[in-house]
PDB file of N, CA and C in Angstrom:
ATOM      1  N   UNK A   1     -14.576  31.440  86.669  1.00  0.00           N
ATOM      2  CA  UNK A   1     -14.607  32.206  85.445  1.00  0.00           C
ATOM      3  C   UNK A   1     -15.592  31.516  84.489  1.00  0.00           C
ATOM      4  N   UNK A   2     -16.319  32.314  83.735  1.00  0.00           N
ATOM      5  CA  UNK A   2     -17.311  31.761  82.821  1.00  0.00           C
ATOM      6  C   UNK A   2     -16.714  31.531  81.435  1.00  0.00           C
ATOM      7  N   UNK A   3     -17.427  30.745  80.636  1.00  0.00           N
ATOM      8  CA  UNK A   3     -16.934  30.424  79.293  1.00  0.00           C
ATOM      9  C   UNK A   3     -16.827  31.667  78.413  1.00  0.00           C
ATOM     10  N   UNK A   4     -17.796  32.579  78.513  1.00  0.00           N
ATOM     11  CA  UNK A   4     -17.764  33.755  77.640  1.00  0.00           C
ATOM     12  C   UNK A   4     -16.601  34.681  78.001  1.00  0.00           C
ATOM     13  N   UNK A   5     -16.318  34.799  79.296  1.00  0.00           N
ATOM     14  CA  UNK A   5     -15.189  35.625  79.714  1.00  0.00           C
ATOM     15  C   UNK A   5     -13.876  35.016  79.224  1.00  0.00           C
ATOM     16  N   UNK A   6     -13.776  33.701  79.278  1.00  0.00           N
ATOM     17  CA  UNK A   6     -12.580  33.015  78.795  1.00  0.00           C
ATOM     18  C   UNK A   6     -12.418  33.193  77.292  1.00  0.00           C
ATOM     19  N   UNK A   7     -13.529  33.159  76.549  1.00  0.00           N
ATOM     20  CA  UNK A   7     -13.476  33.386  75.093  1.00  0.00           C
ATOM     21  C   UNK A   7     -12.898  34.766  74.814  1.00  0.00           C
ATOM     22  N   UNK A   8     -13.314  35.763  75.545  1.00  0.00           N
ATOM     23  CA  UNK A   8     -12.794  37.122  75.344  1.00  0.00           C
ATOM     24  C   UNK A   8     -11.303  37.199  75.637  1.00  0.00           C
ATOM     25  N   UNK A   9     -10.861  36.527  76.681  1.00  0.00           N
ATOM     26  CA  UNK A   9      -9.440  36.523  77.039  1.00  0.00           C
ATOM     27  C   UNK A   9      -8.624  35.821  75.956  1.00  0.00           C
ATOM     28  N   UNK A  10      -9.117  34.674  75.485  1.00  0.00           N
ATOM     29  CA  UNK A  10      -8.413  33.931  74.433  1.00  0.00           C
ATOM     30  C   UNK A  10      -8.351  34.747  73.148  1.00  0.00           C
ATOM     31  N   UNK A  11      -9.475  35.351  72.746  1.00  0.00           N
ATOM     32  CA  UNK A  11      -9.503  36.144  71.515  1.00  0.00           C
ATOM     33  C   UNK A  11      -8.546  37.331  71.606  1.00  0.00           C
ATOM     34  N   UNK A  12      -8.555  38.028  72.731  1.00  0.00           N
ATOM     35  CA  UNK A  12      -7.645  39.158  72.907  1.00  0.00           C
ATOM     36  C   UNK A  12      -6.185  38.744  72.862  1.00  0.00           C
ATOM     37  N   UNK A  13      -5.884  37.616  73.476  1.00  0.00           N
ATOM     38  CA  UNK A  13      -4.515  37.097  73.461  1.00  0.00           C
ATOM     39  C   UNK A  13      -4.087  36.728  72.042  1.00  0.00           C
ATOM     40  N   UNK A  14      -4.961  36.028  71.306  1.00  0.00           N
ATOM     41  CA  UNK A  14      -4.646  35.657  69.922  1.00  0.00           C
ATOM     42  C   UNK A  14      -4.417  36.896  69.061  1.00  0.00           C
ATOM     43  N   UNK A  15      -5.237  37.914  69.233  1.00  0.00           N
ATOM     44  CA  UNK A  15      -5.090  39.135  68.435  1.00  0.00           C
ATOM     45  C   UNK A  15      -3.763  39.821  68.743  1.00  0.00           C
ATOM     46  N   UNK A  16      -3.429  39.961  70.024  1.00  0.00           N
ATOM     47  CA  UNK A  16      -2.172  40.627  70.383  1.00  0.00           C
ATOM     48  C   UNK A  16      -0.952  39.851  69.893  1.00  0.00           C
ATOM     49  N   UNK A  17      -0.990  38.523  70.021  1.00  0.00           N
ATOM     50  CA  UNK A  17       0.134  37.711  69.549  1.00  0.00           C
ATOM     51  C   UNK A  17       0.275  37.818  68.035  1.00  0.00           C
ATOM     52  N   UNK A  18      -0.839  37.700  67.308  1.00  0.00           N
ATOM     53  CA  UNK A  18      -0.751  37.749  65.849  1.00  0.00           C
ATOM     54  C   UNK A  18      -0.336  39.131  65.359  1.00  0.00           C
ATOM     55  N   UNK A  19      -0.729  40.190  66.063  1.00  0.00           N
ATOM     56  CA  UNK A  19      -0.255  41.524  65.698  1.00  0.00           C
ATOM     57  C   UNK A  19       1.244  41.648  65.932  1.00  0.00           C
ATOM     58  N   UNK A  20       1.708  41.124  67.050  1.00  0.00           N
ATOM     59  CA  UNK A  20       3.140  41.157  67.330  1.00  0.00           C
ATOM     60  C   UNK A  20       3.952  40.422  66.285  1.00  0.00           C
ATOM     61  N   UNK A  21       3.423  39.304  65.806  1.00  0.00           N
ATOM     62  CA  UNK A  21       4.131  38.506  64.808  1.00  0.00           C
ATOM     63  C   UNK A  21       3.954  39.037  63.388  1.00  0.00           C
ATOM     64  N   UNK A  22       2.946  39.904  63.158  1.00  0.00           N
ATOM     65  CA  UNK A  22       2.642  40.342  61.797  1.00  0.00           C
ATOM     66  C   UNK A  22       2.978  41.776  61.458  1.00  0.00           C
ATOM     67  N   UNK A  23       3.258  42.608  62.446  1.00  0.00           N
ATOM     68  CA  UNK A  23       3.565  44.016  62.192  1.00  0.00           C
ATOM     69  C   UNK A  23       5.076  44.179  62.085  1.00  0.00           C
ATOM     70  N   UNK A  24       5.510  44.798  60.997  1.00  0.00           N
ATOM     71  CA  UNK A  24       6.951  44.887  60.708  1.00  0.00           C
ATOM     72  C   UNK A  24       7.761  45.588  61.782  1.00  0.00           C
ATOM     73  N   UNK A  25       7.213  46.538  62.491  1.00  0.00           N
ATOM     74  CA  UNK A  25       7.955  47.264  63.516  1.00  0.00           C
ATOM     75  C   UNK A  25       8.123  46.492  64.808  1.00  0.00           C
ATOM     76  N   UNK A  26       7.486  45.353  64.920  1.00  0.00           N
ATOM     77  CA  UNK A  26       7.528  44.570  66.150  1.00  0.00           C
ATOM     78  C   UNK A  26       8.866  43.847  66.300  1.00  0.00           C
ATOM     79  N   UNK A  27       9.360  43.731  67.527  1.00  0.00           N
ATOM     80  CA  UNK A  27      10.621  43.003  67.736  1.00  0.00           C
ATOM     81  C   UNK A  27      10.485  41.495  67.506  1.00  0.00           C
ATOM     82  N   UNK A  28       9.277  40.976  67.464  1.00  0.00           N
ATOM     83  CA  UNK A  28       9.074  39.540  67.235  1.00  0.00           C
ATOM     84  C   UNK A  28       8.441  39.277  65.864  1.00  0.00           C
ATOM     85  N   UNK A  29       8.577  40.232  64.939  1.00  0.00           N
ATOM     86  CA  UNK A  29       7.997  40.110  63.600  1.00  0.00           C
ATOM     87  C   UNK A  29       8.500  38.863  62.886  1.00  0.00           C
ATOM     88  N   UNK A  30       7.563  38.126  62.270  1.00  0.00           N
ATOM     89  CA  UNK A  30       7.923  36.962  61.466  1.00  0.00           C
ATOM     90  C   UNK A  30       7.449  37.143  60.032  1.00  0.00           C
ATOM     91  N   UNK A  31       6.135  37.400  59.866  1.00  0.00           N
ATOM     92  CA  UNK A  31       5.566  37.530  58.532  1.00  0.00           C
ATOM     93  C   UNK A  31       4.282  38.343  58.587  1.00  0.00           C
ATOM     94  N   UNK A  32       4.021  39.102  57.529  1.00  0.00           N
ATOM     95  CA  UNK A  32       2.777  39.860  57.450  1.00  0.00           C
ATOM     96  C   UNK A  32       1.562  38.938  57.407  1.00  0.00           C
ATOM     97  N   UNK A  33       1.750  37.685  57.056  1.00  0.00           N
ATOM     98  CA  UNK A  33       0.637  36.738  56.961  1.00  0.00           C
ATOM     99  C   UNK A  33      -0.011  36.451  58.309  1.00  0.00           C
ATOM    100  N   UNK A  34       0.670  36.773  59.406  1.00  0.00           N
ATOM    101  CA  UNK A  34       0.046  36.611  60.716  1.00  0.00           C
ATOM    102  C   UNK A  34      -1.114  37.588  60.906  1.00  0.00           C
ATOM    103  N   UNK A  35      -1.153  38.651  60.112  1.00  0.00           N
ATOM    104  CA  UNK A  35      -2.280  39.579  60.176  1.00  0.00           C
ATOM    105  C   UNK A  35      -3.558  38.922  59.658  1.00  0.00           C
ATOM    106  N   UNK A  36      -3.429  37.904  58.821  1.00  0.00           N
ATOM    107  CA  UNK A  36      -4.602  37.153  58.378  1.00  0.00           C
ATOM    108  C   UNK A  36      -5.250  36.438  59.558  1.00  0.00           C
ATOM    109  N   UNK A  37      -4.443  35.977  60.502  1.00  0.00           N
ATOM    110  CA  UNK A  37      -4.995  35.342  61.699  1.00  0.00           C
ATOM    111  C   UNK A  37      -5.743  36.361  62.548  1.00  0.00           C
ATOM    112  N   UNK A  38      -5.226  37.591  62.605  1.00  0.00           N
ATOM    113  CA  UNK A  38      -5.923  38.666  63.310  1.00  0.00           C
ATOM    114  C   UNK A  38      -7.295  38.881  62.689  1.00  0.00           C
ATOM    115  N   UNK A  39      -7.355  38.918  61.365  1.00  0.00           N
ATOM    116  CA  UNK A  39      -8.629  39.086  60.668  1.00  0.00           C
ATOM    117  C   UNK A  39      -9.557  37.904  60.927  1.00  0.00           C
ATOM    118  N   UNK A  40      -9.025  36.703  60.960  1.00  0.00           N
ATOM    119  CA  UNK A  40      -9.825  35.502  61.229  1.00  0.00           C
ATOM    120  C   UNK A  40     -10.480  35.587  62.606  1.00  0.00           C
ATOM    121  N   UNK A  41      -9.733  35.987  63.610  1.00  0.00           N
ATOM    122  CA  UNK A  41     -10.283  36.115  64.957  1.00  0.00           C
ATOM    123  C   UNK A  41     -11.353  37.208  64.978  1.00  0.00           C
ATOM    124  N   UNK A  42     -11.092  38.321  64.314  1.00  0.00           N
ATOM    125  CA  UNK A  42     -12.066  39.406  64.250  1.00  0.00           C
ATOM    126  C   UNK A  42     -13.357  38.982  63.569  1.00  0.00           C
ATOM    127  N   UNK A  43     -13.248  38.236  62.481  1.00  0.00           N
ATOM    128  CA  UNK A  43     -14.427  37.741  61.775  1.00  0.00           C
ATOM    129  C   UNK A  43     -15.222  36.795  62.667  1.00  0.00           C
ATOM    130  N   UNK A  44     -14.532  35.941  63.403  1.00  0.00           N
ATOM    131  CA  UNK A  44     -15.227  35.031  64.316  1.00  0.00           C
ATOM    132  C   UNK A  44     -15.925  35.780  65.443  1.00  0.00           C
ATOM    133  N   UNK A  45     -15.312  36.836  65.952  1.00  0.00           N
ATOM    134  CA  UNK A  45     -15.968  37.644  66.978  1.00  0.00           C
ATOM    135  C   UNK A  45     -17.217  38.323  66.429  1.00  0.00           C
ATOM    136  N   UNK A  46     -17.120  38.840  65.206  1.00  0.00           N
ATOM    137  CA  UNK A  46     -18.274  39.458  64.555  1.00  0.00           C
ATOM    138  C   UNK A  46     -19.388  38.439  64.351  1.00  0.00           C
ATOM    139  N   UNK A  47     -19.040  37.270  63.837  1.00  0.00           N
ATOM    140  CA  UNK A  47     -20.013  36.205  63.605  1.00  0.00           C
ATOM    141  C   UNK A  47     -20.690  35.783  64.901  1.00  0.00           C
ATOM    142  N   UNK A  48     -19.931  35.633  65.970  1.00  0.00           N
ATOM    143  CA  UNK A  48     -20.532  35.203  67.237  1.00  0.00           C
ATOM    144  C   UNK A  48     -21.429  36.290  67.819  1.00  0.00           C
ATOM    145  N   UNK A  49     -21.099  37.539  67.572  1.00  0.00           N
ATOM    146  CA  UNK A  49     -21.948  38.630  68.039  1.00  0.00           C
ATOM    147  C   UNK A  49     -23.268  38.687  67.299  1.00  0.00           C
ATOM    148  N   UNK A  50     -23.242  38.349  66.013  1.00  0.00           N
ATOM    149  CA  UNK A  50     -24.464  38.395  65.207  1.00  0.00           C
ATOM    150  C   UNK A  50     -25.334  37.157  65.386  1.00  0.00           C
ATOM    151  N   UNK A  51     -24.717  35.989  65.544  1.00  0.00           N
ATOM    152  CA  UNK A  51     -25.479  34.738  65.604  1.00  0.00           C
ATOM    153  C   UNK A  51     -25.666  34.220  67.024  1.00  0.00           C
ATOM    154  N   UNK A  52     -24.950  34.788  67.976  1.00  0.00           N
ATOM    155  CA  UNK A  52     -24.956  34.336  69.368  1.00  0.00           C
ATOM    156  C   UNK A  52     -24.504  32.884  69.508  1.00  0.00           C
ATOM    157  N   UNK A  53     -23.613  32.440  68.628  1.00  0.00           N
ATOM    158  CA  UNK A  53     -23.011  31.111  68.712  1.00  0.00           C
ATOM    159  C   UNK A  53     -21.515  31.239  68.495  1.00  0.00           C
ATOM    160  N   UNK A  54     -20.737  30.588  69.353  1.00  0.00           N
ATOM    161  CA  UNK A  54     -19.287  30.654  69.266  1.00  0.00           C
ATOM    162  C   UNK A  54     -18.716  29.250  69.475  1.00  0.00           C
ATOM    163  N   UNK A  55     -17.946  28.778  68.516  1.00  0.00           N
ATOM    164  CA  UNK A  55     -17.366  27.444  68.598  1.00  0.00           C
ATOM    165  C   UNK A  55     -16.449  27.310  69.812  1.00  0.00           C
ATOM    166  N   UNK A  56     -15.638  28.319  70.084  1.00  0.00           N
ATOM    167  CA  UNK A  56     -14.726  28.256  71.227  1.00  0.00           C
ATOM    168  C   UNK A  56     -15.501  28.120  72.531  1.00  0.00           C
ATOM    169  N   UNK A  57     -16.604  28.837  72.667  1.00  0.00           N
ATOM    170  CA  UNK A  57     -17.408  28.735  73.881  1.00  0.00           C
ATOM    171  C   UNK A  57     -18.016  27.339  74.006  1.00  0.00           C
ATOM    172  N   UNK A  58     -18.456  26.768  72.906  1.00  0.00           N
ATOM    173  CA  UNK A  58     -18.993  25.408  72.913  1.00  0.00           C
ATOM    174  C   UNK A  58     -17.930  24.416  73.379  1.00  0.00           C
ATOM    175  N   UNK A  59     -16.720  24.560  72.877  1.00  0.00           N
ATOM    176  CA  UNK A  59     -15.614  23.675  73.258  1.00  0.00           C
ATOM    177  C   UNK A  59     -15.308  23.821  74.749  1.00  0.00           C
ATOM    178  N   UNK A  60     -15.262  25.063  75.228  1.00  0.00           N
ATOM    179  CA  UNK A  60     -14.962  25.297  76.645  1.00  0.00           C
ATOM    180  C   UNK A  60     -16.037  24.705  77.550  1.00  0.00           C
ATOM    181  N   UNK A  61     -17.302  24.823  77.159  1.00  0.00           N
ATOM    182  CA  UNK A  61     -18.381  24.250  77.969  1.00  0.00           C
ATOM    183  C   UNK A  61     -18.302  22.729  77.994  1.00  0.00           C
ATOM    184  N   UNK A  62     -17.926  22.117  76.859  1.00  0.00           N
ATOM    185  CA  UNK A  62     -17.782  20.663  76.827  1.00  0.00           C
ATOM    186  C   UNK A  62     -16.597  20.198  77.661  1.00  0.00           C
ATOM    187  N   UNK A  63     -15.637  21.076  77.873  1.00  0.00           N
ATOM    188  CA  UNK A  63     -14.481  20.762  78.718  1.00  0.00           C
ATOM    189  C   UNK A  63     -14.782  20.982  80.198  1.00  0.00           C
ATOM    190  N   UNK A  64     -16.001  21.414  80.505  1.00  0.00           N
ATOM    191  CA  UNK A  64     -16.400  21.556  81.894  1.00  0.00           C
ATOM    192  C   UNK A  64     -16.488  22.951  82.444  1.00  0.00           C
ATOM    193  N   UNK A  65     -16.209  23.960  81.635  1.00  0.00           N
ATOM    194  CA  UNK A  65     -16.287  25.324  82.123  1.00  0.00           C
ATOM    195  C   UNK A  65     -17.763  25.734  82.231  1.00  0.00           C
ATOM    196  N   UNK A  66     -18.072  26.491  83.260  1.00  0.00           N
ATOM    197  CA  UNK A  66     -19.470  26.866  83.439  1.00  0.00           C
ATOM    198  C   UNK A  66     -19.880  27.940  82.446  1.00  0.00           C
ATOM    199  N   UNK A  67     -21.141  27.863  82.054  1.00  0.00           N
ATOM    200  CA  UNK A  67     -21.710  28.778  81.086  1.00  0.00           C
ATOM    201  C   UNK A  67     -22.004  30.115  81.764  1.00  0.00           C
ATOM    202  N   UNK A  68     -21.977  31.169  80.996  1.00  0.00           N
ATOM    203  CA  UNK A  68     -22.335  32.464  81.544  1.00  0.00           C
ATOM    204  C   UNK A  68     -21.811  33.603  80.708  1.00  0.00           C
ATOM    205  N   UNK A  69     -22.289  34.799  81.015  1.00  0.00           N
ATOM    206  CA  UNK A  69     -21.892  36.000  80.264  1.00  0.00           C
ATOM    207  C   UNK A  69     -20.841  36.757  81.008  1.00  0.00           C
TER     208      UNK A  69
END
């Protein structure tokens, strides 16, 4: 698996978890403030799409994951 594919999996997982914890109708609801984390992940995805640089991908490559799209 490549670093970019792993970044997408991690981002999707973070978004789904934070939505589950932040939406009032969810059975695992804790606080609406978890929606701020959803926005944070979305902003980082937007930033990485515009600048072609992603901190998570850099970290994964330094941990030994192979680079790729």
